[in-house]
């Protein structure tokens, strides 16, 4: 069985340790998918990992393998003393319009930030041993729901933006099946923007 949930703020110590473990594994397994490196992040202190999770401009979603069947359940956020058993095998994060602006990322010209609240899906990764089981889809669905339910003042629409490697046909097909469409714009060579209005 798999559980899908988001990490609440502030994160618990075991949440930080589990996130560090899955993040480092993802960087080591698929370094081409990230703008960071394993060598850089292995040197992070516990406080640096905590600050990544303990931020209101970022929400991180996790898929954890638990005992039992191969079904997928959604349990919302980790709160209080809810059970945290299971091995973390997939993750995805969404960052807010405020964090995007601070990062000074050059968005596609067709995206109008004055009329649209722009979120970004980042850090999407599924352990190779747990792929093709619907975990990526469930993580993105949970993330989309969270963005849809976020209240924004004075905006007409919300948009989720992501970058995908051109040769990653599996990911591109998944995103398209969830309603993302390709969006022309400046990005890294060999990558493309995809967007979804929610």
Protein backbone atom coordinates (compact mmCIF):
# COMPACT_ATOMS: atom_id res chain seq x y z
CA UNK A 1 0.00 0.00 0.00
CA UNK A 2 1.11 3.57 -0.64
CA UNK A 3 0.10 6.70 1.25
CA UNK A 4 0.10 10.16 -0.32
CA UNK A 5 0.46 13.12 2.06
CA UNK A 6 2.02 16.55 2.45
CA UNK A 7 4.55 17.56 5.07
CA UNK A 8 3.14 20.08 7.50
CA UNK A 9 4.92 23.09 8.90
CA UNK A 10 6.88 22.90 11.11
CA UNK A 11 8.28 19.52 10.03
CA UNK A 12 9.06 16.81 12.56
CA UNK A 13 12.62 15.58 12.94
CA UNK A 14 11.84 12.25 11.28
CA UNK A 15 10.19 14.10 8.38
CA UNK A 16 13.40 16.06 7.86
CA UNK A 17 15.51 12.89 7.95
CA UNK A 18 13.21 11.08 5.52
CA UNK A 19 13.11 14.05 3.15
CA UNK A 20 16.91 14.33 3.20
CA UNK A 21 17.17 10.63 2.36
CA UNK A 22 14.77 10.70 -0.60
CA UNK A 23 16.16 13.98 -1.95
CA UNK A 24 19.75 12.70 -1.91
CA UNK A 25 18.69 9.43 -3.50
CA UNK A 26 16.89 11.29 -6.27
CA UNK A 27 19.93 13.49 -6.94
CA UNK A 28 22.18 10.44 -7.11
CA UNK A 29 19.80 8.38 -9.27
CA UNK A 30 18.66 11.05 -11.75
CA UNK A 31 21.15 13.95 -11.57
CA UNK A 32 20.10 15.17 -15.02
CA UNK A 33 16.65 16.09 -13.67
CA UNK A 34 17.88 18.73 -11.22
CA UNK A 35 19.49 22.13 -11.11
CA UNK A 36 21.39 21.06 -7.98
CA UNK A 37 23.82 18.20 -7.29
CA UNK A 38 24.27 15.36 -4.83
CA UNK A 39 27.72 16.72 -3.91
CA UNK A 40 26.24 20.09 -2.99
CA UNK A 41 23.31 18.84 -0.94
CA UNK A 42 25.07 16.02 0.90
CA UNK A 43 26.91 18.83 2.73
CA UNK A 44 23.69 20.50 3.92
CA UNK A 45 23.23 20.78 7.68
CA UNK A 46 20.06 19.66 9.43
CA UNK A 47 19.06 23.33 9.73
CA UNK A 48 19.38 23.76 5.96
CA UNK A 49 17.12 20.77 5.35
CA UNK A 50 14.68 22.08 7.94
CA UNK A 51 14.53 25.51 6.31
CA UNK A 52 13.65 23.91 2.98
CA UNK A 53 10.59 22.24 4.52
CA UNK A 54 9.75 24.87 7.13
CA UNK A 55 8.65 27.49 4.61
CA UNK A 56 5.22 28.83 3.76
CA UNK A 57 6.19 29.43 0.14
CA UNK A 58 6.75 25.72 -0.55
CA UNK A 59 4.64 22.59 -0.01
CA UNK A 60 6.13 19.13 -0.34
CA UNK A 61 4.16 15.98 -1.11
CA UNK A 62 5.31 12.45 -0.40
CA UNK A 63 4.35 8.92 -1.42
CA UNK A 64 5.32 6.34 1.20
CA UNK A 65 5.20 2.57 0.82
CA UNK A 66 3.49 0.85 3.73
CA UNK A 67 2.59 -2.77 4.37
CA UNK A 68 -0.41 -4.40 2.78
CA UNK A 69 -1.82 -4.21 -0.74
CA UNK A 70 -0.51 -2.14 -3.64
CA UNK A 71 -3.41 0.34 -3.47
CA UNK A 72 -2.83 4.07 -3.01
CA UNK A 73 -4.53 6.06 -0.26
CA UNK A 74 -4.52 9.78 0.41
CA UNK A 75 -4.27 10.83 4.04
CA UNK A 76 -3.75 14.59 3.79
CA UNK A 77 -1.04 16.28 5.81
CA UNK A 78 1.09 14.76 8.52
CA UNK A 79 -0.28 16.27 11.71
CA UNK A 80 0.38 15.68 15.39
CA UNK A 81 0.66 12.00 16.13
CA UNK A 82 -0.66 10.56 12.87
CA UNK A 83 1.29 7.45 11.83
CA UNK A 84 4.36 8.05 9.70
CA UNK A 85 5.31 4.45 9.02
CA UNK A 86 6.51 3.54 5.57
CA UNK A 87 9.41 4.14 3.23
CA UNK A 88 9.33 7.40 1.31
CA UNK A 89 9.54 6.49 -2.38
CA UNK A 90 8.30 9.53 -4.31
CA UNK A 91 8.15 13.28 -3.89
CA UNK A 92 7.04 16.50 -5.57
CA UNK A 93 6.90 20.10 -4.38
CA UNK A 94 5.01 23.21 -5.37
CA UNK A 95 6.42 26.68 -4.87
CA UNK A 96 4.31 29.82 -4.58
CA UNK A 97 4.24 32.90 -6.81
CA UNK A 98 6.16 34.81 -4.11
CA UNK A 99 9.03 32.30 -4.14
CA UNK A 100 9.10 32.30 -7.94
CA UNK A 101 9.46 36.08 -7.96
CA UNK A 102 12.28 35.94 -5.39
CA UNK A 103 14.08 33.35 -7.51
CA UNK A 104 13.88 35.71 -10.50
CA UNK A 105 13.07 32.88 -12.88
CA UNK A 106 12.41 34.05 -16.42
CA UNK A 107 8.89 32.84 -17.15
CA UNK A 108 7.49 32.17 -20.62
CA UNK A 109 6.44 35.41 -22.32
CA UNK A 110 2.88 34.13 -22.67
CA UNK A 111 2.47 33.96 -18.88
CA UNK A 112 1.03 37.21 -17.51
CA UNK A 113 1.81 37.44 -13.80
CA UNK A 114 -0.38 40.52 -13.42
CA UNK A 115 -3.48 38.43 -14.15
CA UNK A 116 -2.36 34.96 -13.09
CA UNK A 117 -0.93 33.51 -9.88
CA UNK A 118 1.94 31.34 -11.12
CA UNK A 119 3.00 28.29 -9.11
CA UNK A 120 5.78 25.88 -10.05
CA UNK A 121 5.93 22.11 -9.74
CA UNK A 122 9.51 21.16 -8.81
CA UNK A 123 11.47 18.20 -7.49
CA UNK A 124 9.18 15.56 -9.00
CA UNK A 125 10.76 12.14 -8.54
CA UNK A 126 9.67 8.51 -8.13
CA UNK A 127 12.06 5.77 -7.04
CA UNK A 128 12.77 3.53 -10.08
CA UNK A 129 11.58 0.47 -8.13
CA UNK A 130 8.15 2.09 -7.66
CA UNK A 131 7.49 3.58 -11.08
CA UNK A 132 4.49 2.70 -13.27
CA UNK A 133 2.28 2.33 -10.21
CA UNK A 134 0.44 5.63 -10.46
CA UNK A 135 2.42 7.43 -7.77
CA UNK A 136 3.46 10.34 -9.98
CA UNK A 137 -0.14 10.90 -11.03
CA UNK A 138 -1.39 10.82 -7.44
CA UNK A 139 1.29 13.25 -6.27
CA UNK A 140 0.45 15.73 -9.01
CA UNK A 141 -3.28 15.39 -8.37
CA UNK A 142 -2.70 16.17 -4.68
CA UNK A 143 -0.51 19.11 -5.59
CA UNK A 144 -3.05 20.49 -8.09
CA UNK A 145 -5.81 20.22 -5.48
CA UNK A 146 -3.69 22.14 -2.96
CA UNK A 147 -3.05 24.95 -5.45
CA UNK A 148 -6.71 25.06 -6.44
CA UNK A 149 -7.72 25.43 -2.78
CA UNK A 150 -5.17 28.17 -2.05
CA UNK A 151 -6.80 31.59 -1.73
CA UNK A 152 -5.26 34.35 -3.82
CA UNK A 153 -6.39 37.97 -3.59
CA UNK A 154 -7.08 39.92 -6.77
CA UNK A 155 -6.13 37.28 -9.35
CA UNK A 156 -8.35 35.88 -12.06
CA UNK A 157 -6.67 32.51 -12.46
CA UNK A 158 -3.95 30.19 -11.18
CA UNK A 159 -1.39 28.39 -13.27
CA UNK A 160 1.06 25.60 -12.48
CA UNK A 161 4.29 25.73 -14.46
CA UNK A 162 6.93 23.03 -14.84
CA UNK A 163 10.03 22.23 -16.85
CA UNK A 164 10.45 18.81 -18.42
CA UNK A 165 13.32 17.26 -20.35
CA UNK A 166 12.46 16.85 -24.01
CA UNK A 167 13.65 13.23 -24.08
CA UNK A 168 11.63 12.24 -21.00
CA UNK A 169 8.62 10.95 -22.92
CA UNK A 170 7.18 9.14 -19.90
CA UNK A 171 6.98 12.33 -17.86
CA UNK A 172 5.70 14.37 -20.79
CA UNK A 173 2.93 11.85 -21.42
CA UNK A 174 1.97 11.87 -17.74
CA UNK A 175 1.78 15.65 -17.61
CA UNK A 176 -0.25 15.80 -20.82
CA UNK A 177 -2.69 13.20 -19.49
CA UNK A 178 -3.25 15.45 -16.46
CA UNK A 179 -4.05 18.45 -18.65
CA UNK A 180 -0.66 20.19 -18.91
CA UNK A 181 0.09 21.73 -22.30
CA UNK A 182 3.37 22.77 -23.85
CA UNK A 183 4.17 26.44 -23.57
CA UNK A 184 6.81 28.19 -25.73
CA UNK A 185 9.38 30.20 -23.85
CA UNK A 186 12.98 30.52 -22.77
CA UNK A 187 14.26 27.58 -20.77
CA UNK A 188 17.35 25.40 -20.52
CA UNK A 189 18.48 23.63 -23.73
CA UNK A 190 16.72 20.28 -24.11
CA UNK A 191 13.87 21.28 -21.81
CA UNK A 192 10.38 22.65 -22.34
CA UNK A 193 7.79 24.53 -20.30
CA UNK A 194 4.42 22.95 -19.64
CA UNK A 195 1.49 24.69 -17.95
CA UNK A 196 -1.86 23.88 -16.39
CA UNK A 197 -4.56 26.38 -15.44
CA UNK A 198 -6.40 25.37 -12.28
